[in-house]
N, C-alpha and C. Protein backbone atom coordinates (compact mmCIF):
# COMPACT_ATOMS: atom_id res chain seq x y z
N UNK A 1 -116.95 218.18 -39.26
CA UNK A 1 -117.20 217.21 -40.32
C UNK A 1 -116.08 216.17 -40.39
N UNK A 2 -114.85 216.62 -40.09
CA UNK A 2 -113.72 215.72 -40.15
C UNK A 2 -113.82 214.63 -39.09
N UNK A 3 -114.25 215.01 -37.89
CA UNK A 3 -114.37 214.02 -36.82
C UNK A 3 -115.51 213.05 -37.10
N UNK A 4 -116.57 213.53 -37.75
CA UNK A 4 -117.67 212.66 -38.13
C UNK A 4 -117.20 211.59 -39.10
N UNK A 5 -116.39 211.97 -40.07
CA UNK A 5 -115.86 211.02 -41.04
C UNK A 5 -114.96 209.99 -40.36
N UNK A 6 -114.16 210.44 -39.39
CA UNK A 6 -113.29 209.52 -38.67
C UNK A 6 -114.12 208.51 -37.87
N UNK A 7 -115.16 208.97 -37.19
CA UNK A 7 -116.01 208.08 -36.42
C UNK A 7 -116.76 207.12 -37.34
N UNK A 8 -117.23 207.62 -38.46
CA UNK A 8 -117.94 206.78 -39.42
C UNK A 8 -117.01 205.70 -39.98
N UNK A 9 -115.78 206.09 -40.30
CA UNK A 9 -114.80 205.14 -40.81
C UNK A 9 -114.48 204.07 -39.76
N UNK A 10 -114.31 204.50 -38.51
CA UNK A 10 -114.01 203.56 -37.43
C UNK A 10 -115.18 202.59 -37.20
N UNK A 11 -116.40 203.10 -37.27
CA UNK A 11 -117.58 202.27 -37.09
C UNK A 11 -117.71 201.25 -38.22
N UNK A 12 -117.53 201.69 -39.44
CA UNK A 12 -117.63 200.79 -40.58
C UNK A 12 -116.52 199.73 -40.54
N UNK A 13 -115.33 200.11 -40.11
CA UNK A 13 -114.23 199.15 -40.00
C UNK A 13 -114.54 198.10 -38.94
N UNK A 14 -115.09 198.53 -37.82
CA UNK A 14 -115.43 197.60 -36.75
C UNK A 14 -116.51 196.63 -37.21
N UNK A 15 -117.51 197.13 -37.93
CA UNK A 15 -118.57 196.25 -38.43
C UNK A 15 -118.05 195.26 -39.47
N UNK A 16 -117.12 195.71 -40.29
CA UNK A 16 -116.52 194.82 -41.28
C UNK A 16 -115.74 193.71 -40.60
N UNK A 17 -114.95 194.04 -39.60
CA UNK A 17 -114.19 193.03 -38.87
C UNK A 17 -115.11 192.08 -38.11
N UNK A 18 -116.16 192.60 -37.54
CA UNK A 18 -117.12 191.76 -36.83
C UNK A 18 -117.82 190.80 -37.79
N UNK A 19 -118.19 191.28 -38.95
CA UNK A 19 -118.82 190.43 -39.94
C UNK A 19 -117.89 189.34 -40.46
N UNK A 20 -116.63 189.69 -40.66
CA UNK A 20 -115.65 188.70 -41.13
C UNK A 20 -115.41 187.65 -40.05
N UNK A 21 -115.32 188.07 -38.81
CA UNK A 21 -115.10 187.12 -37.71
C UNK A 21 -116.31 186.19 -37.55
N UNK A 22 -117.49 186.72 -37.72
CA UNK A 22 -118.71 185.91 -37.61
C UNK A 22 -118.79 184.91 -38.76
N UNK A 23 -118.45 185.33 -39.95
CA UNK A 23 -118.50 184.44 -41.11
C UNK A 23 -117.47 183.33 -40.98
N UNK A 24 -116.29 183.64 -40.50
CA UNK A 24 -115.24 182.63 -40.36
C UNK A 24 -115.58 181.63 -39.27
N UNK A 25 -116.22 182.08 -38.22
CA UNK A 25 -116.53 181.16 -37.13
C UNK A 25 -117.68 180.23 -37.49
N UNK A 26 -118.58 180.65 -38.35
CA UNK A 26 -119.71 179.79 -38.69
C UNK A 26 -119.32 178.70 -39.68
N UNK A 27 -118.22 178.83 -40.41
CA UNK A 27 -117.81 177.79 -41.35
C UNK A 27 -117.20 176.60 -40.63
N UNK A 28 -116.76 176.78 -39.40
CA UNK A 28 -116.14 175.66 -38.68
C UNK A 28 -117.17 174.78 -38.00
N UNK A 29 -118.44 175.17 -38.01
CA UNK A 29 -119.46 174.34 -37.38
C UNK A 29 -119.74 173.12 -38.23
N UNK A 30 -120.02 171.98 -37.57
CA UNK A 30 -120.24 170.72 -38.28
C UNK A 30 -121.68 170.65 -38.76
N UNK A 31 -121.85 170.38 -40.03
CA UNK A 31 -123.19 170.20 -40.59
C UNK A 31 -123.28 168.81 -41.19
N UNK A 32 -124.44 168.21 -41.10
CA UNK A 32 -124.65 166.88 -41.67
C UNK A 32 -125.00 167.02 -43.14
N UNK A 33 -124.50 166.09 -43.93
CA UNK A 33 -124.81 166.06 -45.35
C UNK A 33 -126.23 165.53 -45.52
N UNK A 34 -127.03 166.19 -46.34
CA UNK A 34 -128.42 165.77 -46.52
C UNK A 34 -128.52 164.48 -47.33
N UNK A 35 -127.46 164.11 -48.06
CA UNK A 35 -127.50 162.90 -48.88
C UNK A 35 -126.96 161.68 -48.15
N UNK A 36 -126.56 161.82 -46.89
CA UNK A 36 -126.02 160.67 -46.15
C UNK A 36 -127.03 160.24 -45.09
N UNK A 37 -127.10 158.98 -44.90
CA UNK A 37 -128.07 158.43 -43.96
C UNK A 37 -127.33 157.46 -43.04
N UNK A 38 -127.56 157.57 -41.74
CA UNK A 38 -126.89 156.69 -40.80
C UNK A 38 -127.71 155.41 -40.62
N UNK A 39 -127.04 154.26 -40.75
CA UNK A 39 -127.72 152.98 -40.61
C UNK A 39 -127.68 152.53 -39.15
N UNK A 40 -128.33 151.39 -38.87
CA UNK A 40 -128.43 150.90 -37.50
C UNK A 40 -127.08 150.52 -36.90
N UNK A 41 -126.15 150.03 -37.74
CA UNK A 41 -124.86 149.60 -37.20
C UNK A 41 -123.89 150.77 -37.04
N UNK A 42 -124.31 151.98 -37.32
CA UNK A 42 -123.48 153.16 -37.09
C UNK A 42 -122.72 153.62 -38.32
N UNK A 43 -122.69 152.83 -39.38
CA UNK A 43 -121.99 153.26 -40.58
C UNK A 43 -122.91 154.14 -41.42
N UNK A 44 -122.29 154.91 -42.30
CA UNK A 44 -123.08 155.81 -43.13
C UNK A 44 -123.12 155.28 -44.56
N UNK A 45 -124.25 155.43 -45.20
CA UNK A 45 -124.39 155.01 -46.59
C UNK A 45 -124.93 156.18 -47.39
N UNK A 46 -124.57 156.20 -48.67
CA UNK A 46 -125.02 157.26 -49.55
C UNK A 46 -126.47 157.00 -49.91
N UNK A 47 -127.30 158.06 -49.82
CA UNK A 47 -128.72 157.93 -50.07
C UNK A 47 -129.07 158.06 -51.55
N UNK A 48 -128.15 158.54 -52.37
CA UNK A 48 -128.43 158.77 -53.78
C UNK A 48 -128.18 157.53 -54.63
N UNK A 49 -128.60 157.58 -55.89
CA UNK A 49 -128.37 156.48 -56.81
C UNK A 49 -126.93 156.52 -57.29
N UNK A 50 -126.28 155.37 -57.31
CA UNK A 50 -124.89 155.33 -57.76
C UNK A 50 -124.80 154.96 -59.23
N UNK A 51 -125.91 154.58 -59.85
CA UNK A 51 -125.92 154.27 -61.28
C UNK A 51 -125.45 152.87 -61.57
N UNK A 52 -125.36 152.00 -60.60
CA UNK A 52 -124.92 150.62 -60.85
C UNK A 52 -126.07 149.67 -60.83
């Protein structure tokens, strides 16, 4: 039973580290903002109302 607990602990630790590494690596990926729109000249403009 003692060896089973050690293996279970090692497995859970490995899964935790794998999950943390996966989560950290996915935050560095570039995502486009849904409220920004690219115009023909290459500049970006805000798609929302500015209230002016």
